[in-house]
Amino acid sequence: MITGAIKNKVDKIWTDIWAGGITNPLTVIEQLTYLMFIRSLDEKELESEEFENMTGEKMNKIFPQSPAGQSMRWSKFKNSDPRDIYDIIAQRVFPAIKNMKHGCLPDFTQQGEIADATEGAGGDEKSDTAFARYMSDAMFLIPTPQVLQKIITGLDDLYEHDIADLDMQGDLYEYMLGKLATAGQNGQFRTPKHIREMMVELLRPAPEDSICDPACGTAGFLVSASEYIRRNFEDTMSSEQWEHFAGGAFTGFDTDRTMLRISAMNLMLHSISHPEIDYRDSVSKQNQISDRFTICLANPPFKGTVDAESIHDNLKAVTNTKKTELLFLVLFLRMLKKGGQCACIVPDGVLFGSSKAHKAIRQELVENHQLRAVISMPSGVFKPYAGVSTAVLVFTKTGAGGTDNVWFYDMKADGFSLDDKRSEITDNDIPDIISRFHNLEQEAGRQRTDQSFFVPKQEIADNDYDLSINKYKKVEYKPVEYPSTAEIMADLHELELEIEKGLAELEEML
């Protein structure tokens, strides 16, 4: 749990970076990510050394054993002169990480040039973390030794006194990611944690599942899924399931290498060191994956620009469009195994859009697969990014229909105010949504005036497969009785007499 004191320390580090001239939140997080990774390498090396001393068993080393190699360790340089720290990180550590192979850092000659100590070493690229794979085009942008020293001191204080375990590291990173208050150029938002967790709870992933987010951003959905699995299965998982959990269980794609670095670090801080995090345009011909995953969780971009020529033909065969929000729905169906589940966020336009492409994908979900739920969310859920109205679609890939009734839920509150401040409030429909979704047999008697209800498949088909809740919800109008004009006038006269009496008393006091 991140306390107010920890938040204050993070905010202080953030302020120091801003004061140094780095004002883009994404750049701030990226630079902090590099430093957290550098520290994590030294932590891992210290654990290996401790194990080696206890057992006598020789362990592979991350840092070269030369003086130059050992000087790159966080524990060795953190108390040095600020200028020395800056030179070590900028000229040694950072270039070494960018050339990291097989989990080992390359050594340096006395002239400061990299001497690749790993050339010819055994192993394969899978021994590298996903984060290390995307460091080749990273840039070290901390402007001065003084700013760098403040960041290192602040991070070290957090790790030494406040961060007790991996869960805390993950929560800390999540808090940092919460400062990303702008949407990316392709319309991607960081999905609020409580919305992600709701969607994960709806699907209830298990240790044997293969989970994918083909528009992963900061890997929030994958992290939330991993937390759910650990929370519910940690004590019963086999060694094979843990091995699957550390890598193969989680796949994410994005077209922004900065996001890939951040998502890989986010997963690493949640014990997932070797996920399949790849640079890939998911809806293009570059992505050939089909029938592979058991779960898809995503908030795909709503206004992404896609080159029509690059769109995969089998996506266009279902819905011939350039709209990313429609293409991703077809993509989920293609990438899921038969019986696989998906929970994804879509803009309201997907639910009622009248174009052929909109109707085609809705018909595909309803007629050829099992559309299970449409959860309409209030428009403030994504503030301060945007005020767009959205919904969560939950469906299962069957390839043979299965939709009898679709469950609709009209979410009015998510536990936070729906303005730009998004302050915590008591009203929250999310627990009710999760409870009702997993007990749908009890929903049969609900009326169209209720917050949730079933709509038969045939009625949806008769309405051009319209999935907007307002098409089916009935509003109950209750007549309001107002006082008569004579009563209102009498009340006004009474108020007027009170005002005159008050003015008279005030004049007597003067």
Protein backbone atom coordinates (compact mmCIF):
# COMPACT_ATOMS: atom_id res chain seq x y z
CA MET A 1 0.00 0.00 0.00
CA ILE A 2 1.43 3.37 -1.02
CA THR A 3 1.07 5.78 1.90
CA GLY A 4 0.91 9.55 1.80
CA ALA A 5 4.51 9.74 3.03
CA ILE A 6 5.74 7.59 0.12
CA LYS A 7 3.71 9.64 -2.35
CA ASN A 8 5.33 12.79 -0.96
CA LYS A 9 8.79 11.31 -1.54
CA VAL A 10 7.90 10.36 -5.12
CA ASP A 11 6.45 13.82 -5.71
CA LYS A 12 9.69 15.35 -4.40
CA ILE A 13 11.76 13.29 -6.90
CA TRP A 14 9.32 14.30 -9.63
CA THR A 15 9.67 17.99 -8.71
CA ASP A 16 13.47 17.75 -8.77
CA ILE A 17 13.34 16.34 -12.30
CA TRP A 18 10.88 19.01 -13.44
CA ALA A 19 13.13 21.69 -11.94
CA GLY A 20 15.95 20.26 -14.06
CA GLY A 21 13.95 21.02 -17.22
CA ILE A 22 12.30 17.65 -18.01
CA THR A 23 8.59 18.42 -18.01
CA ASN A 24 7.08 15.66 -20.19
CA PRO A 25 5.65 13.08 -17.73
CA LEU A 26 6.43 10.21 -20.11
CA THR A 27 10.09 11.28 -20.30
CA VAL A 28 10.25 11.59 -16.50
CA ILE A 29 8.93 8.05 -16.06
CA GLU A 30 11.26 6.75 -18.77
CA GLN A 31 14.33 8.23 -17.04
CA LEU A 32 13.20 6.95 -13.64
CA THR A 33 12.63 3.54 -15.24
CA TYR A 34 16.26 3.39 -16.38
CA LEU A 35 17.54 4.22 -12.92
CA MET A 36 15.20 1.71 -11.25
CA PHE A 37 16.46 -0.95 -13.67
CA ILE A 38 20.09 -0.07 -12.95
CA ARG A 39 19.40 -0.47 -9.23
CA SER A 40 17.54 -3.74 -9.75
CA LEU A 41 20.58 -5.22 -11.55
CA ASP A 42 22.76 -4.50 -8.53
CA GLU A 43 20.10 -5.96 -6.18
CA LYS A 44 20.06 -9.13 -8.27
CA GLU A 45 23.88 -9.30 -8.19
CA LEU A 46 23.91 -8.87 -4.39
CA GLU A 47 21.42 -11.76 -4.05
CA SER A 48 23.62 -13.95 -6.27
CA GLU A 49 26.71 -13.12 -4.22
CA GLU A 50 24.88 -13.93 -1.00
CA PHE A 51 23.71 -17.27 -2.42
CA GLU A 52 27.25 -18.00 -3.65
CA ASN A 53 28.72 -17.29 -0.20
CA MET A 54 26.16 -19.52 1.51
CA THR A 55 26.37 -22.50 -0.86
CA GLY A 56 29.77 -22.18 -2.50
CA GLU A 57 28.06 -22.64 -5.85
CA LYS A 58 29.37 -20.36 -8.60
CA MET A 59 26.75 -18.02 -10.04
CA ASN A 60 26.70 -16.13 -13.35
CA LYS A 61 27.63 -12.49 -12.87
CA ILE A 62 25.79 -9.50 -14.31
CA PHE A 63 28.63 -7.03 -13.79
CA PRO A 64 32.14 -7.65 -15.12
CA GLN A 65 34.66 -8.44 -12.39
CA SER A 66 37.08 -5.70 -13.51
CA PRO A 67 37.34 -2.45 -11.47
CA ALA A 68 35.52 -0.60 -14.27
CA GLY A 69 32.77 -3.22 -14.31
CA GLN A 70 32.28 -3.15 -10.54
CA SER A 71 32.17 0.65 -10.52
CA MET A 72 28.93 0.43 -12.54
CA ARG A 73 27.03 -1.04 -9.59
CA TRP A 74 24.48 1.17 -7.82
CA SER A 75 25.82 0.26 -4.37
CA LYS A 76 29.34 1.32 -5.45
CA PHE A 77 28.59 4.69 -7.07
CA LYS A 78 25.55 6.00 -5.15
CA ASN A 79 27.59 7.85 -2.52
CA SER A 80 30.21 9.22 -4.93
CA ASP A 81 30.70 12.83 -6.01
CA PRO A 82 27.75 13.95 -8.22
CA ARG A 83 30.04 14.53 -11.21
CA ASP A 84 31.55 11.06 -10.87
CA ILE A 85 28.07 9.49 -10.63
CA TYR A 86 26.98 11.34 -13.75
CA ASP A 87 30.07 10.22 -15.72
CA ILE A 88 29.70 6.59 -14.59
CA ILE A 89 26.03 6.36 -15.58
CA ALA A 90 26.22 8.39 -18.77
CA GLN A 91 29.48 6.93 -20.10
CA ARG A 92 29.55 3.40 -18.66
CA VAL A 93 26.30 2.07 -17.20
CA PHE A 94 23.91 3.38 -19.81
CA PRO A 95 25.95 2.26 -22.85
CA ALA A 96 26.52 -1.10 -21.14
CA ILE A 97 22.77 -1.68 -20.62
CA LYS A 98 22.11 -0.82 -24.26
CA ASN A 99 24.62 -3.53 -25.23
CA MET A 100 23.48 -6.06 -22.63
CA LYS A 101 23.47 -9.69 -23.85
CA HIS A 102 22.49 -12.94 -22.18
CA GLY A 103 21.82 -11.18 -18.87
CA CYS A 104 25.40 -9.82 -18.60
CA LEU A 105 26.74 -6.31 -18.99
CA PRO A 106 29.72 -5.82 -21.34
CA ASP A 107 33.03 -4.68 -19.86
CA PHE A 108 34.91 -1.45 -20.63
CA THR A 109 38.52 -0.88 -21.51
CA GLN A 110 40.43 1.85 -19.72
CA GLN A 111 39.68 4.17 -22.63
CA GLY A 112 35.94 3.79 -21.92
CA GLU A 113 35.17 1.67 -24.98
CA ILE A 114 32.92 -1.34 -24.69
CA ALA A 115 34.70 -4.66 -24.75
CA ASP A 116 31.99 -7.25 -25.29
CA ALA A 117 32.80 -9.86 -22.68
CA THR A 118 29.76 -11.90 -23.68
CA GLU A 119 30.77 -12.59 -27.26
CA GLY A 120 30.76 -16.31 -27.81
CA ALA A 121 29.05 -16.90 -24.46
CA GLY A 122 26.41 -19.58 -24.20
CA GLY A 123 22.72 -18.92 -23.76
CA ASP A 124 20.12 -17.28 -25.93
CA GLU A 125 18.30 -14.00 -26.12
CA LYS A 126 15.50 -15.31 -23.91
CA SER A 127 17.85 -15.00 -20.93
CA ASP A 128 17.60 -11.23 -21.32
CA THR A 129 14.73 -9.41 -19.70
CA ALA A 130 12.13 -7.89 -21.98
CA PHE A 131 13.19 -4.48 -20.72
CA ALA A 132 16.82 -4.99 -21.76
CA ARG A 133 15.69 -5.95 -25.28
CA TYR A 134 14.23 -2.48 -25.85
CA MET A 135 17.13 -0.41 -24.56
CA SER A 136 18.99 -0.10 -27.86
CA ASP A 137 17.45 3.27 -28.78
CA ALA A 138 17.06 4.61 -25.24
CA MET A 139 18.51 8.03 -24.42
CA PHE A 140 19.87 9.26 -21.09
CA LEU A 141 18.38 12.74 -20.63
CA ILE A 142 19.07 13.71 -17.00
CA PRO A 143 20.53 17.22 -17.55
CA THR A 144 23.01 17.77 -14.68
CA PRO A 145 24.97 15.84 -12.02
CA GLN A 146 23.06 17.70 -9.29
CA VAL A 147 19.64 16.60 -10.58
CA LEU A 148 20.90 13.02 -11.01
CA GLN A 149 22.22 12.92 -7.45
CA LYS A 150 18.88 14.15 -6.06
CA ILE A 151 17.03 11.42 -7.98
CA ILE A 152 19.43 8.69 -6.84
CA THR A 153 19.26 9.85 -3.22
CA GLY A 154 15.46 10.00 -3.38
CA LEU A 155 15.09 6.56 -4.98
CA ASP A 156 17.58 5.00 -2.59
CA ASP A 157 15.69 6.44 0.39
CA LEU A 158 12.45 4.96 -0.96
CA TYR A 159 13.96 1.53 -1.50
CA GLU A 160 15.85 1.44 1.81
CA HIS A 161 13.06 2.65 4.10
CA ASP A 162 9.69 2.32 2.36
CA ILE A 163 9.65 -0.48 -0.21
CA ALA A 164 9.39 -3.81 1.54
CA ASP A 165 8.64 -6.21 -1.32
CA LEU A 166 7.87 -6.63 -5.02
CA ASP A 167 4.22 -5.73 -4.50
CA MET A 168 5.28 -2.38 -3.07
CA GLN A 169 7.63 -1.78 -6.02
CA GLY A 170 4.75 -2.44 -8.38
CA ASP A 171 2.45 -0.09 -6.46
CA LEU A 172 5.15 2.59 -6.52
CA TYR A 173 5.50 2.29 -10.29
CA GLU A 174 1.72 2.33 -10.66
CA TYR A 175 1.62 5.62 -8.74
CA MET A 176 4.26 7.07 -11.07
CA LEU A 177 2.28 5.92 -14.12
CA GLY A 178 -0.76 7.65 -12.64
CA LYS A 179 0.97 10.93 -13.42
CA LEU A 180 0.57 10.31 -17.15
CA ALA A 181 -2.33 12.75 -17.51
CA THR A 182 -2.31 13.13 -21.30
CA ALA A 183 -3.40 10.85 -24.12
CA GLY A 184 -0.87 9.63 -26.65
CA GLN A 185 -0.92 10.73 -30.28
CA ASN A 186 -2.80 7.60 -31.33
CA GLY A 187 -5.53 8.12 -28.78
CA GLN A 188 -4.25 5.62 -26.20
CA PHE A 189 -5.15 6.26 -22.56
CA ARG A 190 -3.86 4.72 -19.40
CA THR A 191 -6.86 2.74 -18.18
CA PRO A 192 -7.63 3.47 -14.49
CA LYS A 193 -6.51 0.64 -12.24
CA HIS A 194 -9.94 -0.03 -10.71
CA ILE A 195 -11.50 -0.40 -14.19
CA ARG A 196 -8.77 -2.84 -15.23
CA GLU A 197 -9.26 -4.84 -12.04
CA MET A 198 -13.02 -4.96 -12.64
CA MET A 199 -12.46 -6.38 -16.13
CA VAL A 200 -9.98 -8.96 -14.79
CA GLU A 201 -12.46 -9.98 -12.08
CA LEU A 202 -15.11 -10.50 -14.77
CA LEU A 203 -12.88 -12.99 -16.63
CA ARG A 204 -11.14 -14.54 -13.59
CA PRO A 205 -7.86 -15.67 -15.24
CA ALA A 206 -6.15 -18.85 -13.97
CA PRO A 207 -2.43 -19.86 -13.85
CA GLU A 208 -2.70 -21.92 -17.04
CA ASP A 209 -4.18 -19.07 -19.09
CA SER A 210 -2.32 -17.29 -21.89
CA ILE A 211 -3.21 -13.60 -21.62
CA CYS A 212 -2.74 -10.97 -24.32
CA ASP A 213 -3.16 -7.23 -24.66
CA PRO A 214 -2.39 -6.32 -28.30
CA ALA A 215 -2.37 -2.59 -27.45
CA CYS A 216 -0.58 -2.88 -24.12
CA GLY A 217 0.71 0.66 -23.47
CA THR A 218 2.12 0.49 -19.93
CA ALA A 219 0.99 -3.18 -19.55
CA GLY A 220 -1.63 -2.29 -16.96
CA PHE A 221 -4.03 -5.09 -17.96
CA LEU A 222 -1.27 -7.69 -17.87
CA VAL A 223 -0.17 -6.45 -14.45
CA SER A 224 -3.74 -6.54 -13.11
CA ALA A 225 -4.18 -10.08 -14.46
CA SER A 226 -0.91 -11.19 -12.85
CA GLU A 227 -1.95 -9.70 -9.51
CA TYR A 228 -5.28 -11.53 -9.67
CA ILE A 229 -3.54 -14.85 -10.36
CA ARG A 230 -1.05 -14.37 -7.54
CA ARG A 231 -3.77 -13.27 -5.13
CA ASN A 232 -5.97 -16.30 -5.83
CA PHE A 233 -3.57 -19.11 -6.78
CA GLU A 234 -0.14 -18.29 -5.30
CA ASP A 235 -0.28 -21.02 -2.64
CA THR A 236 -1.34 -23.78 -5.04
CA MET A 237 0.66 -23.09 -8.21
CA SER A 238 3.06 -25.78 -9.46
CA SER A 239 6.63 -25.07 -10.59
CA GLU A 240 5.49 -25.40 -14.22
CA GLN A 241 2.75 -22.84 -13.63
CA TRP A 242 5.23 -20.44 -12.01
CA GLU A 243 7.54 -20.85 -15.02
CA HIS A 244 4.59 -20.09 -17.32
CA PHE A 245 3.69 -17.10 -15.11
CA ALA A 246 7.20 -15.59 -15.33
CA GLY A 247 7.03 -15.32 -19.11
CA GLY A 248 4.79 -17.21 -21.47
CA ALA A 249 1.53 -16.35 -19.71
CA PHE A 250 1.70 -12.68 -20.70
CA THR A 251 1.93 -11.13 -24.17
CA GLY A 252 1.72 -7.47 -25.13
CA PHE A 253 2.23 -5.50 -28.34
CA ASP A 254 2.66 -1.78 -28.94
CA THR A 255 4.00 0.54 -31.62
CA ASP A 256 5.79 2.89 -29.20
CA ARG A 257 9.20 1.67 -28.03
CA THR A 258 9.13 3.97 -25.01
CA MET A 259 5.88 2.32 -23.92
CA LEU A 260 7.45 -1.11 -24.48
CA ARG A 261 10.33 -0.25 -22.14
CA ILE A 262 7.93 1.07 -19.50
CA SER A 263 5.59 -1.93 -19.81
CA ALA A 264 8.49 -4.39 -19.60
CA MET A 265 9.74 -2.67 -16.42
CA ASN A 266 6.21 -2.65 -14.99
CA LEU A 267 5.91 -6.41 -15.55
CA MET A 268 9.40 -7.07 -14.20
CA LEU A 269 8.46 -5.31 -10.97
CA HIS A 270 5.54 -7.76 -10.73
CA SER A 271 7.77 -10.87 -11.02
CA ILE A 272 7.24 -11.30 -14.78
CA SER A 273 10.79 -11.09 -16.12
CA HIS A 274 10.37 -12.67 -19.57
CA PRO A 275 7.00 -11.70 -21.02
CA GLU A 276 6.51 -11.54 -24.77
CA ILE A 277 6.52 -7.75 -25.13
CA ASP A 278 7.03 -6.92 -28.78
CA TYR A 279 7.06 -3.96 -31.16
CA ARG A 280 4.19 -4.83 -33.45
CA ASP A 281 1.31 -3.13 -35.22
CA SER A 282 -1.34 -5.57 -34.08
CA VAL A 283 -3.87 -4.97 -36.86
CA SER A 284 -1.33 -5.09 -39.69
CA LYS A 285 -0.03 -7.93 -41.82
CA GLN A 286 2.94 -7.92 -39.42
CA ASN A 287 0.75 -9.76 -36.89
CA GLN A 288 -0.11 -13.28 -38.06
CA ILE A 289 -1.17 -14.70 -34.68
CA SER A 290 -4.43 -16.64 -34.55
CA ASP A 291 -6.08 -19.13 -32.16
CA ARG A 292 -3.36 -18.72 -29.54
CA PHE A 293 -4.65 -17.00 -26.38
CA THR A 294 -7.27 -17.93 -23.82
CA ILE A 295 -7.84 -14.36 -22.58
CA CYS A 296 -7.66 -10.93 -24.21
CA LEU A 297 -7.87 -7.80 -22.05
CA ALA A 298 -7.50 -4.45 -23.76
CA ASN A 299 -8.38 -0.81 -24.15
CA PRO A 300 -7.46 -0.41 -27.83
CA PRO A 301 -6.85 3.04 -29.35
CA PHE A 302 -10.05 4.80 -30.41
CA LYS A 303 -8.67 7.20 -32.99
CA GLY A 304 -5.52 5.56 -34.22
CA THR A 305 -4.35 6.22 -37.75
CA VAL A 306 -3.95 3.03 -39.75
CA ASP A 307 -2.51 2.65 -43.24
CA ALA A 308 -5.29 0.92 -45.18
CA GLU A 309 -2.72 -1.05 -47.21
CA SER A 310 -1.13 -2.52 -44.09
CA ILE A 311 -4.36 -3.81 -42.49
CA HIS A 312 -4.48 -7.60 -42.40
CA ASP A 313 -6.85 -9.00 -45.02
CA ASN A 314 -8.64 -11.37 -42.62
CA LEU A 315 -9.64 -8.39 -40.44
CA LYS A 316 -11.05 -6.47 -43.41
CA ALA A 317 -12.98 -9.57 -44.43
CA VAL A 318 -15.14 -9.21 -41.31
CA THR A 319 -15.39 -5.43 -41.14
CA ASN A 320 -13.98 -3.38 -44.00
CA THR A 321 -12.84 -0.24 -42.19
CA LYS A 322 -9.83 1.79 -41.07
CA LYS A 323 -11.31 2.43 -37.61
CA THR A 324 -8.99 0.87 -35.03
CA GLU A 325 -11.74 0.30 -32.46
CA LEU A 326 -13.55 -2.00 -34.92
CA LEU A 327 -10.44 -3.72 -36.28
CA PHE A 328 -9.28 -4.63 -32.77
CA LEU A 329 -12.59 -6.37 -32.03
CA VAL A 330 -12.04 -8.63 -35.05
CA LEU A 331 -8.42 -9.09 -33.98
CA PHE A 332 -9.46 -10.34 -30.52
CA LEU A 333 -11.66 -12.95 -32.16
CA ARG A 334 -8.83 -14.06 -34.44
CA MET A 335 -6.17 -14.24 -31.70
CA LEU A 336 -8.32 -16.10 -29.17
CA LYS A 337 -8.57 -19.87 -29.06
CA LYS A 338 -12.06 -21.31 -29.37
CA GLY A 339 -13.59 -20.86 -25.94
CA GLY A 340 -11.29 -17.92 -25.18
CA GLN A 341 -12.68 -14.88 -23.39
CA CYS A 342 -12.31 -11.16 -24.02
CA ALA A 343 -13.11 -8.06 -21.99
CA CYS A 344 -12.37 -4.85 -23.86
CA ILE A 345 -13.26 -1.17 -23.73
CA VAL A 346 -14.93 0.43 -26.73
CA PRO A 347 -16.23 3.95 -27.40
CA ASP A 348 -20.01 4.26 -27.41
CA GLY A 349 -19.99 4.76 -31.18
CA VAL A 350 -19.13 1.08 -31.62
CA LEU A 351 -22.40 0.16 -29.91
CA PHE A 352 -24.75 2.13 -32.16
CA GLY A 353 -22.76 3.27 -35.23
CA SER A 354 -24.84 2.90 -38.39
CA SER A 355 -22.10 2.21 -40.95
CA LYS A 356 -21.79 -1.21 -42.57
CA ALA A 357 -18.53 -1.82 -40.70
CA HIS A 358 -20.12 -1.06 -37.30
CA LYS A 359 -23.10 -3.32 -37.96
CA ALA A 360 -20.88 -6.10 -39.34
CA ILE A 361 -18.74 -6.47 -36.21
CA ARG A 362 -21.77 -6.29 -33.89
CA GLN A 363 -23.51 -8.96 -35.96
CA GLU A 364 -20.36 -11.09 -35.89
CA LEU A 365 -20.25 -10.96 -32.07
CA VAL A 366 -23.96 -11.65 -31.59
CA GLU A 367 -24.54 -14.28 -34.31
CA ASN A 368 -21.23 -16.17 -34.58
CA HIS A 369 -19.91 -15.93 -31.02
CA GLN A 370 -21.27 -15.46 -27.51
CA LEU A 371 -21.69 -11.81 -26.54
CA ARG A 372 -22.17 -12.02 -22.80
CA ALA A 373 -22.28 -8.47 -21.44
CA VAL A 374 -22.36 -4.79 -22.35
CA ILE A 375 -21.40 -2.59 -19.39
CA SER A 376 -22.04 1.08 -20.10
CA MET A 377 -19.63 3.34 -18.23
CA PRO A 378 -20.11 7.05 -17.35
CA SER A 379 -18.28 9.58 -19.51
CA GLY A 380 -15.97 10.78 -16.71
CA VAL A 381 -14.15 7.46 -16.27
CA PHE A 382 -11.21 8.56 -18.45
CA LYS A 383 -10.88 12.09 -17.15
CA PRO A 384 -8.58 13.99 -17.14
CA TYR A 385 -7.51 12.33 -20.44
CA ALA A 386 -10.89 12.73 -22.13
CA GLY A 387 -14.60 12.85 -21.48
CA VAL A 388 -15.42 10.12 -24.01
CA SER A 389 -18.31 7.74 -23.22
CA THR A 390 -17.26 4.11 -23.24
CA ALA A 391 -18.48 0.60 -22.52
CA VAL A 392 -16.97 -2.75 -21.63
CA LEU A 393 -17.80 -5.66 -23.94
CA VAL A 394 -17.43 -9.19 -22.58
CA PHE A 395 -17.59 -12.05 -25.08
CA THR A 396 -16.45 -15.60 -25.69
CA LYS A 397 -15.11 -16.88 -29.01
CA THR A 398 -17.16 -19.87 -30.11
CA GLY A 399 -17.31 -19.71 -33.90
CA ALA A 400 -20.75 -21.27 -33.61
CA GLY A 401 -22.95 -18.67 -31.95
CA GLY A 402 -24.19 -19.10 -28.40
CA THR A 403 -25.69 -15.67 -27.72
CA ASP A 404 -29.16 -16.16 -26.22
CA ASN A 405 -29.49 -13.11 -23.98
CA VAL A 406 -27.08 -10.20 -23.57
CA TRP A 407 -26.66 -8.77 -20.10
CA PHE A 408 -26.68 -4.95 -19.94
CA TYR A 409 -25.53 -2.90 -16.96
CA ASP A 410 -25.79 0.87 -16.61
CA MET A 411 -22.79 1.89 -14.47
CA LYS A 412 -23.48 5.24 -12.83
CA ALA A 413 -20.52 5.49 -10.43
CA ASP A 414 -17.06 3.89 -10.26
CA GLY A 415 -15.97 5.02 -6.81
CA PHE A 416 -14.52 8.35 -8.03
CA SER A 417 -15.99 11.72 -8.89
CA LEU A 418 -16.59 12.14 -12.62
CA ASP A 419 -14.79 15.50 -12.91
CA ASP A 420 -11.14 16.20 -13.73
CA LYS A 421 -10.10 15.75 -10.07
CA ARG A 422 -11.45 12.16 -9.87
CA SER A 423 -11.64 12.30 -6.07
CA GLU A 424 -12.60 9.15 -4.18
CA ILE A 425 -16.33 8.88 -3.31
CA THR A 426 -18.54 6.25 -1.66
CA ASP A 427 -20.83 5.55 -4.64
CA ASN A 428 -19.41 2.58 -6.55
CA ASP A 429 -21.22 0.12 -8.84
CA ILE A 430 -18.17 -2.05 -9.55
CA PRO A 431 -18.67 -4.60 -6.71
CA ASP A 432 -22.31 -4.95 -7.79
CA ILE A 433 -21.29 -5.47 -11.44
CA ILE A 434 -18.83 -8.25 -10.54
CA SER A 435 -21.28 -9.95 -8.19
CA ARG A 436 -24.18 -9.88 -10.66
CA PHE A 437 -22.05 -10.96 -13.64
CA HIS A 438 -21.01 -14.13 -11.83
CA ASN A 439 -24.61 -14.85 -10.80
CA LEU A 440 -26.44 -14.15 -14.05
CA GLU A 441 -29.07 -16.81 -13.35
CA GLN A 442 -30.46 -14.43 -10.73
CA GLU A 443 -30.82 -11.60 -13.27
CA ALA A 444 -33.66 -13.17 -15.25
CA GLY A 445 -36.40 -11.36 -13.32
CA ARG A 446 -34.89 -7.90 -13.61
CA GLN A 447 -36.96 -5.20 -15.30
CA ARG A 448 -35.83 -2.76 -18.03
CA THR A 449 -36.18 0.04 -15.46
CA ASP A 450 -33.50 -1.62 -13.27
CA GLN A 451 -29.78 -0.86 -13.49
CA SER A 452 -29.10 -4.25 -15.10
CA PHE A 453 -31.23 -6.53 -17.25
CA PHE A 454 -31.20 -9.12 -20.05
CA VAL A 455 -32.08 -8.39 -23.69
CA PRO A 456 -32.93 -11.37 -25.94
CA LYS A 457 -30.73 -11.92 -29.00
CA GLN A 458 -33.69 -11.62 -31.39
CA GLU A 459 -34.60 -8.16 -30.09
CA ILE A 460 -31.00 -7.01 -30.64
CA ALA A 461 -31.04 -8.43 -34.18
CA ASP A 462 -34.34 -6.67 -34.91
CA ASN A 463 -32.70 -3.38 -33.88
CA ASP A 464 -29.80 -3.63 -36.38
CA TYR A 465 -27.67 -5.19 -33.64
CA ASP A 466 -27.71 -1.91 -31.69
CA LEU A 467 -25.92 -2.47 -28.35
CA SER A 468 -26.47 0.91 -26.69
CA ILE A 469 -28.22 0.48 -23.35
CA ASN A 470 -30.54 3.43 -24.00
CA LYS A 471 -32.14 1.48 -26.86
CA TYR A 472 -33.51 -1.05 -24.39
CA LYS A 473 -33.63 0.69 -21.02
CA LYS A 474 -37.00 2.00 -19.89
CA VAL A 475 -37.14 5.20 -17.87
CA GLU A 476 -39.81 5.40 -15.21
CA TYR A 477 -41.28 8.87 -15.01
CA LYS A 478 -42.80 9.73 -11.65
CA PRO A 479 -45.19 12.70 -11.53
CA VAL A 480 -44.06 15.47 -9.20
CA GLU A 481 -46.70 17.41 -7.30
CA TYR A 482 -45.87 21.06 -6.71
CA PRO A 483 -47.57 23.43 -4.18
CA SER A 484 -50.36 25.60 -5.50
CA THR A 485 -49.69 29.19 -6.59
CA ALA A 486 -51.54 30.48 -3.48
CA GLU A 487 -49.26 28.43 -1.17
CA ILE A 488 -46.13 29.69 -2.93
CA MET A 489 -47.33 33.33 -2.65
CA ALA A 490 -48.12 32.85 1.04
CA ASP A 491 -44.58 31.50 1.64
CA LEU A 492 -43.08 34.49 -0.19
CA HIS A 493 -45.10 36.96 1.94
CA GLU A 494 -43.91 35.16 5.07
CA LEU A 495 -40.28 35.45 3.93
CA GLU A 496 -40.80 39.14 3.13
CA LEU A 497 -42.11 39.79 6.68
CA GLU A 498 -39.07 38.00 8.17
CA ILE A 499 -36.72 40.15 6.08
CA GLU A 500 -38.46 43.37 7.16
CA LYS A 501 -38.27 42.28 10.80
CA GLY A 502 -34.58 41.55 10.46
CA LEU A 503 -33.86 44.91 8.82
CA ALA A 504 -35.73 46.72 11.62
CA GLU A 505 -33.66 44.95 14.27
CA LEU A 506 -30.49 45.82 12.42
CA GLU A 507 -31.45 49.55 12.26
CA GLU A 508 -32.05 49.62 16.01
CA MET A 509 -28.53 48.30 16.59
CA LEU A 510 -26.91 51.10 14.53
